[in-house]
Amino acid sequence: MTAPRHWSLPLRLLHWLMAALILALLAVGWSMTHVQRDLGTSFALYQWHKSYGLLVLPLLALRLLARLAPAPPPVEHSRLERRAAKVAHLSFYALMLAVPMSGWLMAASSPLALPTRPFELFTLPAPVGPDEALFERLQLLHEVLAYALLALLAVHVLAVLKHQLVDRDGILRRISF
């Protein structure tokens, strides 16, 4: 059996869906913390951000399952590039887990003690109680992790552009439709 030219269709769909979702979450997260709005709009943005942020977790689980499908044949790269790609992908998975988890913990520890209700469907149990000091630490952690994810995303896009425009190795076709 020969290896497929592309990643599996579910993996490609999840890749692009999660890319769009994460970019939207980063943009909304930055906007809701840096742009002054009325209280109602701010509250709605926070609820949207929490709901879609938590959606990353089951999508990540599905994505990891989709990685079990046969992979396209490896493209010839230097040992350094292969190692950098592996570290980058593992870092993406770690951050896609850590950012929403830190957000959930931060929301739970908020002194406001507002329940987390994804899409207003159910109440997510609070793993910790209100604690202002913990909230402030988690707020900083969530922000640092989000900026780390944004930086990694920028490096990823630059690497893809290098492969597409300089190396011309067709690596972008493997994740495209």
C-alpha atoms as a PDB file:
ATOM      1  CA  MET A   1       0.000   0.000   0.000  1.00  0.00           C
ATOM      2  CA  THR A   2       1.423   3.395  -0.937  1.00  0.00           C
ATOM      3  CA  ALA A   3       1.235   6.398   1.324  1.00  0.00           C
ATOM      4  CA  PRO A   4      -1.402   9.021   0.444  1.00  0.00           C
ATOM      5  CA  ARG A   5      -0.314  12.319  -1.119  1.00  0.00           C
ATOM      6  CA  HIS A   6      -2.404  14.287   1.407  1.00  0.00           C
ATOM      7  CA  TRP A   7      -3.145  14.019   5.065  1.00  0.00           C
ATOM      8  CA  SER A   8      -6.534  12.384   5.672  1.00  0.00           C
ATOM      9  CA  LEU A   9      -9.591  14.500   4.885  1.00  0.00           C
ATOM     10  CA  PRO A  10     -10.700  14.642   8.556  1.00  0.00           C
ATOM     11  CA  LEU A  11      -7.255  15.872   9.580  1.00  0.00           C
ATOM     12  CA  ARG A  12      -7.205  18.510   6.842  1.00  0.00           C
ATOM     13  CA  LEU A  13     -10.698  19.708   7.820  1.00  0.00           C
ATOM     14  CA  LEU A  14      -9.750  19.855  11.490  1.00  0.00           C
ATOM     15  CA  HIS A  15      -6.476  21.646  10.680  1.00  0.00           C
ATOM     16  CA  TRP A  16      -8.207  24.485   8.828  1.00  0.00           C
ATOM     17  CA  LEU A  17     -11.217  24.633  11.163  1.00  0.00           C
ATOM     18  CA  MET A  18      -8.951  24.884  14.191  1.00  0.00           C
ATOM     19  CA  ALA A  19      -6.701  27.419  12.453  1.00  0.00           C
ATOM     20  CA  ALA A  20      -9.705  29.679  11.799  1.00  0.00           C
ATOM     21  CA  LEU A  21     -11.077  29.130  15.305  1.00  0.00           C
ATOM     22  CA  ILE A  22      -7.753  29.854  17.002  1.00  0.00           C
ATOM     23  CA  LEU A  23      -7.171  32.995  14.937  1.00  0.00           C
ATOM     24  CA  ALA A  24     -10.674  34.210  15.832  1.00  0.00           C
ATOM     25  CA  LEU A  25     -10.103  33.412  19.524  1.00  0.00           C
ATOM     26  CA  LEU A  26      -6.787  35.275  19.530  1.00  0.00           C
ATOM     27  CA  ALA A  27      -8.381  38.294  17.828  1.00  0.00           C
ATOM     28  CA  VAL A  28     -11.428  38.341  20.105  1.00  0.00           C
ATOM     29  CA  GLY A  29      -9.255  37.741  23.189  1.00  0.00           C
ATOM     30  CA  TRP A  30      -7.044  40.683  22.324  1.00  0.00           C
ATOM     31  CA  SER A  31     -10.014  42.872  21.416  1.00  0.00           C
ATOM     32  CA  MET A  32     -12.017  42.132  24.558  1.00  0.00           C
ATOM     33  CA  THR A  33      -9.058  42.995  26.794  1.00  0.00           C
ATOM     34  CA  HIS A  34      -7.770  46.051  24.901  1.00  0.00           C
ATOM     35  CA  VAL A  35     -10.837  47.804  23.443  1.00  0.00           C
ATOM     36  CA  GLN A  36     -13.289  49.673  25.674  1.00  0.00           C
ATOM     37  CA  ARG A  37     -16.897  48.573  25.211  1.00  0.00           C
ATOM     38  CA  ASP A  38     -20.151  48.776  27.069  1.00  0.00           C
ATOM     39  CA  LEU A  39     -20.649  46.159  29.771  1.00  0.00           C
ATOM     40  CA  GLY A  40     -23.193  44.101  27.789  1.00  0.00           C
ATOM     41  CA  THR A  41     -20.959  43.791  24.730  1.00  0.00           C
ATOM     42  CA  SER A  42     -17.938  42.943  26.882  1.00  0.00           C
ATOM     43  CA  PHE A  43     -19.888  40.249  28.712  1.00  0.00           C
ATOM     44  CA  ALA A  44     -21.121  38.759  25.409  1.00  0.00           C
ATOM     45  CA  LEU A  45     -17.569  38.693  24.000  1.00  0.00           C
ATOM     46  CA  TYR A  46     -16.243  36.944  27.108  1.00  0.00           C
ATOM     47  CA  GLN A  47     -19.006  34.328  26.883  1.00  0.00           C
ATOM     48  CA  TRP A  48     -18.324  33.803  23.167  1.00  0.00           C
ATOM     49  CA  HIS A  49     -14.588  33.516  23.867  1.00  0.00           C
ATOM     50  CA  LYS A  50     -15.107  30.988  26.672  1.00  0.00           C
ATOM     51  CA  SER A  51     -17.529  28.839  24.661  1.00  0.00           C
ATOM     52  CA  TYR A  52     -15.443  28.671  21.511  1.00  0.00           C
ATOM     53  CA  GLY A  53     -12.222  28.401  23.511  1.00  0.00           C
ATOM     54  CA  LEU A  54     -13.528  25.268  25.206  1.00  0.00           C
ATOM     55  CA  LEU A  55     -14.548  23.904  21.792  1.00  0.00           C
ATOM     56  CA  VAL A  56     -10.826  23.652  21.001  1.00  0.00           C
ATOM     57  CA  LEU A  57     -10.490  20.745  23.470  1.00  0.00           C
ATOM     58  CA  PRO A  58     -12.790  18.184  21.762  1.00  0.00           C
ATOM     59  CA  LEU A  59     -11.525  19.323  18.355  1.00  0.00           C
ATOM     60  CA  LEU A  60      -7.981  18.710  19.559  1.00  0.00           C
ATOM     61  CA  ALA A  61      -8.950  15.202  20.687  1.00  0.00           C
ATOM     62  CA  LEU A  62     -10.479  14.517  17.265  1.00  0.00           C
ATOM     63  CA  ARG A  63      -7.387  15.899  15.594  1.00  0.00           C
ATOM     64  CA  LEU A  64      -5.111  13.618  17.571  1.00  0.00           C
ATOM     65  CA  LEU A  65      -7.319  10.653  16.580  1.00  0.00           C
ATOM     66  CA  ALA A  66      -7.182  11.746  12.930  1.00  0.00           C
ATOM     67  CA  ARG A  67      -3.379  11.671  13.126  1.00  0.00           C
ATOM     68  CA  LEU A  68      -3.637   7.875  13.429  1.00  0.00           C
ATOM     69  CA  ALA A  69      -4.573   7.659   9.729  1.00  0.00           C
ATOM     70  CA  PRO A  70      -1.736   6.902   7.291  1.00  0.00           C
ATOM     71  CA  ALA A  71       0.515   9.903   6.737  1.00  0.00           C
ATOM     72  CA  PRO A  72       1.726  11.184   3.388  1.00  0.00           C
ATOM     73  CA  PRO A  73       5.302  10.206   2.555  1.00  0.00           C
ATOM     74  CA  PRO A  74       7.905  12.375   4.243  1.00  0.00           C
ATOM     75  CA  VAL A  75       9.441  15.184   2.232  1.00  0.00           C
ATOM     76  CA  GLU A  76      13.227  15.249   2.225  1.00  0.00           C
ATOM     77  CA  HIS A  77      14.411  17.811   4.743  1.00  0.00           C
ATOM     78  CA  SER A  78      17.520  18.339   6.754  1.00  0.00           C
ATOM     79  CA  ARG A  79      17.693  16.755  10.195  1.00  0.00           C
ATOM     80  CA  LEU A  80      17.392  20.230  11.737  1.00  0.00           C
ATOM     81  CA  GLU A  81      14.180  20.976   9.780  1.00  0.00           C
ATOM     82  CA  ARG A  82      12.641  17.627  10.714  1.00  0.00           C
ATOM     83  CA  ARG A  83      13.460  18.209  14.379  1.00  0.00           C
ATOM     84  CA  ALA A  84      12.160  21.799  14.286  1.00  0.00           C
ATOM     85  CA  ALA A  85       8.916  20.625  12.649  1.00  0.00           C
ATOM     86  CA  LYS A  86       8.447  17.942  15.301  1.00  0.00           C
ATOM     87  CA  VAL A  87       9.069  20.418  18.139  1.00  0.00           C
ATOM     88  CA  ALA A  88       6.698  22.947  16.531  1.00  0.00           C
ATOM     89  CA  HIS A  89       3.896  20.412  16.095  1.00  0.00           C
ATOM     90  CA  LEU A  90       4.256  19.080  19.635  1.00  0.00           C
ATOM     91  CA  SER A  91       4.275  22.679  20.892  1.00  0.00           C
ATOM     92  CA  PHE A  92       1.085  23.403  18.932  1.00  0.00           C
ATOM     93  CA  TYR A  93      -0.654  20.425  20.524  1.00  0.00           C
ATOM     94  CA  ALA A  94       0.576  21.390  23.995  1.00  0.00           C
ATOM     95  CA  LEU A  95      -0.563  25.004  23.565  1.00  0.00           C
ATOM     96  CA  MET A  96      -3.918  23.976  22.082  1.00  0.00           C
ATOM     97  CA  LEU A  97      -4.451  22.102  25.351  1.00  0.00           C
ATOM     98  CA  ALA A  98      -2.841  24.576  27.765  1.00  0.00           C
ATOM     99  CA  VAL A  99      -4.495  27.781  26.521  1.00  0.00           C
ATOM    100  CA  PRO A 100      -8.119  26.650  26.937  1.00  0.00           C
ATOM    101  CA  MET A 101      -7.337  24.819  30.188  1.00  0.00           C
ATOM    102  CA  SER A 102      -5.708  27.930  31.671  1.00  0.00           C
ATOM    103  CA  GLY A 103      -8.692  29.965  30.495  1.00  0.00           C
ATOM    104  CA  TRP A 104     -11.129  27.571  32.167  1.00  0.00           C
ATOM    105  CA  LEU A 105      -9.147  27.664  35.407  1.00  0.00           C
ATOM    106  CA  MET A 106      -8.905  31.453  35.202  1.00  0.00           C
ATOM    107  CA  ALA A 107     -12.665  31.822  34.686  1.00  0.00           C
ATOM    108  CA  ALA A 108     -13.350  29.457  37.594  1.00  0.00           C
ATOM    109  CA  SER A 109     -11.023  31.366  39.930  1.00  0.00           C
ATOM    110  CA  SER A 110     -12.488  34.779  39.042  1.00  0.00           C
ATOM    111  CA  PRO A 111     -13.658  36.761  42.080  1.00  0.00           C
ATOM    112  CA  LEU A 112     -16.890  37.415  40.134  1.00  0.00           C
ATOM    113  CA  ALA A 113     -17.776  33.703  40.519  1.00  0.00           C
ATOM    114  CA  LEU A 114     -19.666  33.548  37.228  1.00  0.00           C
ATOM    115  CA  PRO A 115     -20.397  30.016  36.020  1.00  0.00           C
ATOM    116  CA  THR A 116     -18.908  28.855  32.727  1.00  0.00           C
ATOM    117  CA  ARG A 117     -21.819  27.853  30.479  1.00  0.00           C
ATOM    118  CA  PRO A 118     -20.546  26.821  27.033  1.00  0.00           C
ATOM    119  CA  PHE A 119     -23.046  28.001  24.419  1.00  0.00           C
ATOM    120  CA  GLU A 120     -25.578  28.269  27.298  1.00  0.00           C
ATOM    121  CA  LEU A 121     -26.070  24.490  27.042  1.00  0.00           C
ATOM    122  CA  PHE A 122     -24.758  23.354  30.433  1.00  0.00           C
ATOM    123  CA  THR A 123     -22.724  24.558  33.384  1.00  0.00           C
ATOM    124  CA  LEU A 124     -19.135  23.411  33.395  1.00  0.00           C
ATOM    125  CA  PRO A 125     -17.981  22.379  36.873  1.00  0.00           C
ATOM    126  CA  ALA A 126     -15.511  24.776  38.440  1.00  0.00           C
ATOM    127  CA  PRO A 127     -12.232  22.941  39.209  1.00  0.00           C
ATOM    128  CA  VAL A 128     -11.263  25.739  41.623  1.00  0.00           C
ATOM    129  CA  GLY A 129     -13.169  28.342  43.598  1.00  0.00           C
ATOM    130  CA  PRO A 130     -12.960  32.123  43.439  1.00  0.00           C
ATOM    131  CA  ASP A 131      -9.467  33.252  44.443  1.00  0.00           C
ATOM    132  CA  GLU A 132      -8.253  36.683  43.385  1.00  0.00           C
ATOM    133  CA  ALA A 133      -4.524  35.892  43.700  1.00  0.00           C
ATOM    134  CA  LEU A 134      -4.902  32.660  41.700  1.00  0.00           C
ATOM    135  CA  PHE A 135      -7.062  34.477  39.148  1.00  0.00           C
ATOM    136  CA  GLU A 136      -4.349  37.094  38.569  1.00  0.00           C
ATOM    137  CA  ARG A 137      -1.655  34.424  38.106  1.00  0.00           C
ATOM    138  CA  LEU A 138      -3.853  32.432  35.727  1.00  0.00           C
ATOM    139  CA  GLN A 139      -4.761  35.585  33.819  1.00  0.00           C
ATOM    140  CA  LEU A 140      -1.070  36.226  33.191  1.00  0.00           C
ATOM    141  CA  LEU A 141      -0.444  32.558  32.313  1.00  0.00           C
ATOM    142  CA  HIS A 142      -3.368  32.504  29.860  1.00  0.00           C
ATOM    143  CA  GLU A 143      -2.121  35.673  28.185  1.00  0.00           C
ATOM    144  CA  VAL A 144       1.489  34.442  27.941  1.00  0.00           C
ATOM    145  CA  LEU A 145       0.347  31.095  26.520  1.00  0.00           C
ATOM    146  CA  ALA A 146      -1.902  32.855  23.985  1.00  0.00           C
ATOM    147  CA  TYR A 147       0.980  35.064  22.840  1.00  0.00           C
ATOM    148  CA  ALA A 148       3.222  31.972  22.640  1.00  0.00           C
ATOM    149  CA  LEU A 149       0.583  30.333  20.430  1.00  0.00           C
ATOM    150  CA  LEU A 150       0.436  33.446  18.248  1.00  0.00           C
ATOM    151  CA  ALA A 151       4.241  33.505  17.934  1.00  0.00           C
ATOM    152  CA  LEU A 152       4.340  29.811  17.050  1.00  0.00           C
ATOM    153  CA  LEU A 153       1.603  30.376  14.485  1.00  0.00           C
ATOM    154  CA  ALA A 154       3.652  33.183  12.902  1.00  0.00           C
ATOM    155  CA  VAL A 155       6.730  30.929  12.719  1.00  0.00           C
ATOM    156  CA  HIS A 156       4.576  28.158  11.238  1.00  0.00           C
ATOM    157  CA  VAL A 157       3.239  30.460   8.503  1.00  0.00           C
ATOM    158  CA  LEU A 158       6.769  31.685   7.723  1.00  0.00           C
ATOM    159  CA  ALA A 159       7.993  28.086   7.483  1.00  0.00           C
ATOM    160  CA  VAL A 160       5.144  27.211   5.117  1.00  0.00           C
ATOM    161  CA  LEU A 161       5.985  30.248   2.963  1.00  0.00           C
ATOM    162  CA  LYS A 162       9.651  29.188   2.881  1.00  0.00           C
ATOM    163  CA  HIS A 163       8.683  25.691   1.758  1.00  0.00           C
ATOM    164  CA  GLN A 164       6.221  27.008  -0.809  1.00  0.00           C
ATOM    165  CA  LEU A 165       8.244  29.890  -2.281  1.00  0.00           C
ATOM    166  CA  VAL A 166      11.882  28.931  -1.717  1.00  0.00           C
ATOM    167  CA  ASP A 167      12.079  25.146  -1.492  1.00  0.00           C
ATOM    168  CA  ARG A 168       9.091  24.559  -3.784  1.00  0.00           C
ATOM    169  CA  ASP A 169       8.721  21.127  -2.208  1.00  0.00           C
ATOM    170  CA  GLY A 170       4.910  20.984  -2.385  1.00  0.00           C
ATOM    171  CA  ILE A 171       4.512  20.521   1.344  1.00  0.00           C
ATOM    172  CA  LEU A 172       1.485  22.855   1.439  1.00  0.00           C
ATOM    173  CA  ARG A 173      -0.441  20.495  -0.899  1.00  0.00           C
ATOM    174  CA  ARG A 174      -0.370  17.813   1.798  1.00  0.00           C
ATOM    175  CA  ILE A 175      -2.694  19.821   4.065  1.00  0.00           C
ATOM    176  CA  SER A 176      -4.674  21.561   1.275  1.00  0.00           C
ATOM    177  CA  PHE A 177      -7.876  20.456  -0.446  1.00  0.00           C
END
